[in-house]
């Protein structure tokens, strides 16, 4: 998506402690991490929260928010949204299984 001015993730040479996967880490606290990117088309944030339920159980919640700035940002979001509704739960299921 770089040809369109959309960032594809953290810079490849970014230190591992400043990112989780491909996403830049914005802030981190006990049981909570905020990831995200800003560009001229859209800004997005991913909030990952892990709550300890006791007895060795945890609850994981993922929330996203996107602010679009123009037509390309809105179009991109419209195209990827159906895939995210499938991919995110599948990714969480894999994390929870391991």
C-alpha atoms as a PDB file:
ATOM      1  CA  UNK A   1       0.000   0.000   0.000  1.00  0.00           C
ATOM      2  CA  UNK A   2       3.038   2.286   0.078  1.00  0.00           C
ATOM      3  CA  UNK A   3       2.449   3.491  -3.527  1.00  0.00           C
ATOM      4  CA  UNK A   4      -0.821   4.988  -2.294  1.00  0.00           C
ATOM      5  CA  UNK A   5       0.778   6.636   0.726  1.00  0.00           C
ATOM      6  CA  UNK A   6      -0.527   4.077   3.230  1.00  0.00           C
ATOM      7  CA  UNK A   7       2.022   2.798   5.694  1.00  0.00           C
ATOM      8  CA  UNK A   8       2.430  -0.972   5.766  1.00  0.00           C
ATOM      9  CA  UNK A   9       3.585  -1.282   9.379  1.00  0.00           C
ATOM     10  CA  UNK A  10       6.579  -0.491  11.535  1.00  0.00           C
ATOM     11  CA  UNK A  11       9.805   0.375   9.769  1.00  0.00           C
ATOM     12  CA  UNK A  12      11.714  -2.852   9.003  1.00  0.00           C
ATOM     13  CA  UNK A  13      14.740  -1.715  11.011  1.00  0.00           C
ATOM     14  CA  UNK A  14      12.665  -0.636  14.055  1.00  0.00           C
ATOM     15  CA  UNK A  15      13.898  -2.275  17.275  1.00  0.00           C
ATOM     16  CA  UNK A  16      11.717  -5.219  18.375  1.00  0.00           C
ATOM     17  CA  UNK A  17      10.777  -3.509  21.654  1.00  0.00           C
ATOM     18  CA  UNK A  18       9.100  -0.664  19.696  1.00  0.00           C
ATOM     19  CA  UNK A  19       6.707  -2.926  17.833  1.00  0.00           C
ATOM     20  CA  UNK A  20       4.523  -5.985  18.150  1.00  0.00           C
ATOM     21  CA  UNK A  21       4.523  -7.942  14.923  1.00  0.00           C
ATOM     22  CA  UNK A  22       4.363  -5.368  12.147  1.00  0.00           C
ATOM     23  CA  UNK A  23       2.601  -2.746  14.276  1.00  0.00           C
ATOM     24  CA  UNK A  24       4.395   0.085  16.085  1.00  0.00           C
ATOM     25  CA  UNK A  25       3.870   0.045  19.858  1.00  0.00           C
ATOM     26  CA  UNK A  26       2.439   3.383  21.007  1.00  0.00           C
ATOM     27  CA  UNK A  27       1.999   2.627  24.696  1.00  0.00           C
ATOM     28  CA  UNK A  28       2.075  -0.306  27.063  1.00  0.00           C
ATOM     29  CA  UNK A  29       0.895  -0.888  30.620  1.00  0.00           C
ATOM     30  CA  UNK A  30       0.099  -3.927  32.743  1.00  0.00           C
ATOM     31  CA  UNK A  31      -2.256  -6.063  30.654  1.00  0.00           C
ATOM     32  CA  UNK A  32      -2.701  -3.437  27.930  1.00  0.00           C
ATOM     33  CA  UNK A  33      -0.952  -2.451  24.714  1.00  0.00           C
ATOM     34  CA  UNK A  34      -1.852   0.242  22.185  1.00  0.00           C
ATOM     35  CA  UNK A  35      -0.529  -0.168  18.659  1.00  0.00           C
ATOM     36  CA  UNK A  36      -1.116   1.977  15.608  1.00  0.00           C
ATOM     37  CA  UNK A  37      -0.068   4.094  12.684  1.00  0.00           C
ATOM     38  CA  UNK A  38      -0.928   7.511  11.327  1.00  0.00           C
ATOM     39  CA  UNK A  39      -0.652   8.540   7.690  1.00  0.00           C
ATOM     40  CA  UNK A  40      -2.267  11.093   5.432  1.00  0.00           C
ATOM     41  CA  UNK A  41      -5.177   8.793   4.551  1.00  0.00           C
ATOM     42  CA  UNK A  42      -6.111   7.273   7.892  1.00  0.00           C
ATOM     43  CA  UNK A  43      -5.029   6.834  11.515  1.00  0.00           C
ATOM     44  CA  UNK A  44      -5.689   3.605  13.354  1.00  0.00           C
ATOM     45  CA  UNK A  45      -5.228   2.226  16.833  1.00  0.00           C
ATOM     46  CA  UNK A  46      -5.412  -1.333  18.113  1.00  0.00           C
ATOM     47  CA  UNK A  47      -6.018  -1.857  21.819  1.00  0.00           C
ATOM     48  CA  UNK A  48      -5.151  -5.293  23.191  1.00  0.00           C
ATOM     49  CA  UNK A  49      -6.233  -5.967  26.769  1.00  0.00           C
ATOM     50  CA  UNK A  50      -5.506  -9.105  28.764  1.00  0.00           C
ATOM     51  CA  UNK A  51      -7.477  -9.605  31.982  1.00  0.00           C
ATOM     52  CA  UNK A  52      -6.608 -12.291  34.496  1.00  0.00           C
ATOM     53  CA  UNK A  53      -9.733 -14.250  35.414  1.00  0.00           C
ATOM     54  CA  UNK A  54      -8.007 -16.426  38.001  1.00  0.00           C
ATOM     55  CA  UNK A  55      -7.505 -20.176  38.021  1.00  0.00           C
ATOM     56  CA  UNK A  56      -4.999 -19.786  35.178  1.00  0.00           C
ATOM     57  CA  UNK A  57      -7.554 -18.261  32.829  1.00  0.00           C
ATOM     58  CA  UNK A  58      -7.278 -15.025  30.884  1.00  0.00           C
ATOM     59  CA  UNK A  59      -9.639 -12.946  28.822  1.00  0.00           C
ATOM     60  CA  UNK A  60      -8.206 -11.240  25.727  1.00  0.00           C
ATOM     61  CA  UNK A  61     -10.012  -8.350  24.057  1.00  0.00           C
ATOM     62  CA  UNK A  62      -9.002  -6.516  20.899  1.00  0.00           C
ATOM     63  CA  UNK A  63     -10.551  -3.199  19.888  1.00  0.00           C
ATOM     64  CA  UNK A  64      -9.753  -1.061  16.880  1.00  0.00           C
ATOM     65  CA  UNK A  65     -10.549   2.495  15.941  1.00  0.00           C
ATOM     66  CA  UNK A  66      -9.893   4.124  12.586  1.00  0.00           C
ATOM     67  CA  UNK A  67     -10.111   7.768  11.631  1.00  0.00           C
ATOM     68  CA  UNK A  68     -10.177   8.327   7.893  1.00  0.00           C
ATOM     69  CA  UNK A  69      -8.967  11.590   6.388  1.00  0.00           C
ATOM     70  CA  UNK A  70     -10.003  11.330   2.744  1.00  0.00           C
ATOM     71  CA  UNK A  71     -11.600   9.207   0.025  1.00  0.00           C
ATOM     72  CA  UNK A  72      -8.632   6.838  -0.310  1.00  0.00           C
ATOM     73  CA  UNK A  73      -8.694   6.173   3.441  1.00  0.00           C
ATOM     74  CA  UNK A  74     -12.441   5.471   3.390  1.00  0.00           C
ATOM     75  CA  UNK A  75     -12.097   3.244   0.314  1.00  0.00           C
ATOM     76  CA  UNK A  76      -9.212   1.281   1.823  1.00  0.00           C
ATOM     77  CA  UNK A  77     -11.167   0.758   5.045  1.00  0.00           C
ATOM     78  CA  UNK A  78     -14.257  -0.405   3.136  1.00  0.00           C
ATOM     79  CA  UNK A  79     -12.193  -2.931   1.159  1.00  0.00           C
ATOM     80  CA  UNK A  80     -10.330  -4.459   4.117  1.00  0.00           C
ATOM     81  CA  UNK A  81     -13.116  -4.466   6.719  1.00  0.00           C
ATOM     82  CA  UNK A  82     -14.744  -7.769   5.637  1.00  0.00           C
ATOM     83  CA  UNK A  83     -11.344  -9.494   5.796  1.00  0.00           C
ATOM     84  CA  UNK A  84     -10.574  -8.090   9.248  1.00  0.00           C
ATOM     85  CA  UNK A  85     -13.844  -9.472  10.593  1.00  0.00           C
ATOM     86  CA  UNK A  86     -12.599 -12.925   9.585  1.00  0.00           C
ATOM     87  CA  UNK A  87      -8.855 -12.603  10.218  1.00  0.00           C
ATOM     88  CA  UNK A  88      -8.842 -11.025  13.695  1.00  0.00           C
ATOM     89  CA  UNK A  89     -10.982 -13.709  15.415  1.00  0.00           C
ATOM     90  CA  UNK A  90      -8.958 -16.430  13.654  1.00  0.00           C
ATOM     91  CA  UNK A  91      -5.688 -14.868  14.845  1.00  0.00           C
ATOM     92  CA  UNK A  92      -6.993 -14.588  18.405  1.00  0.00           C
ATOM     93  CA  UNK A  93      -8.111 -18.223  18.339  1.00  0.00           C
ATOM     94  CA  UNK A  94      -4.598 -19.287  17.343  1.00  0.00           C
ATOM     95  CA  UNK A  95      -3.034 -17.229  20.135  1.00  0.00           C
ATOM     96  CA  UNK A  96      -5.441 -18.668  22.686  1.00  0.00           C
ATOM     97  CA  UNK A  97      -4.784 -22.242  21.567  1.00  0.00           C
ATOM     98  CA  UNK A  98      -1.015 -21.952  22.063  1.00  0.00           C
END
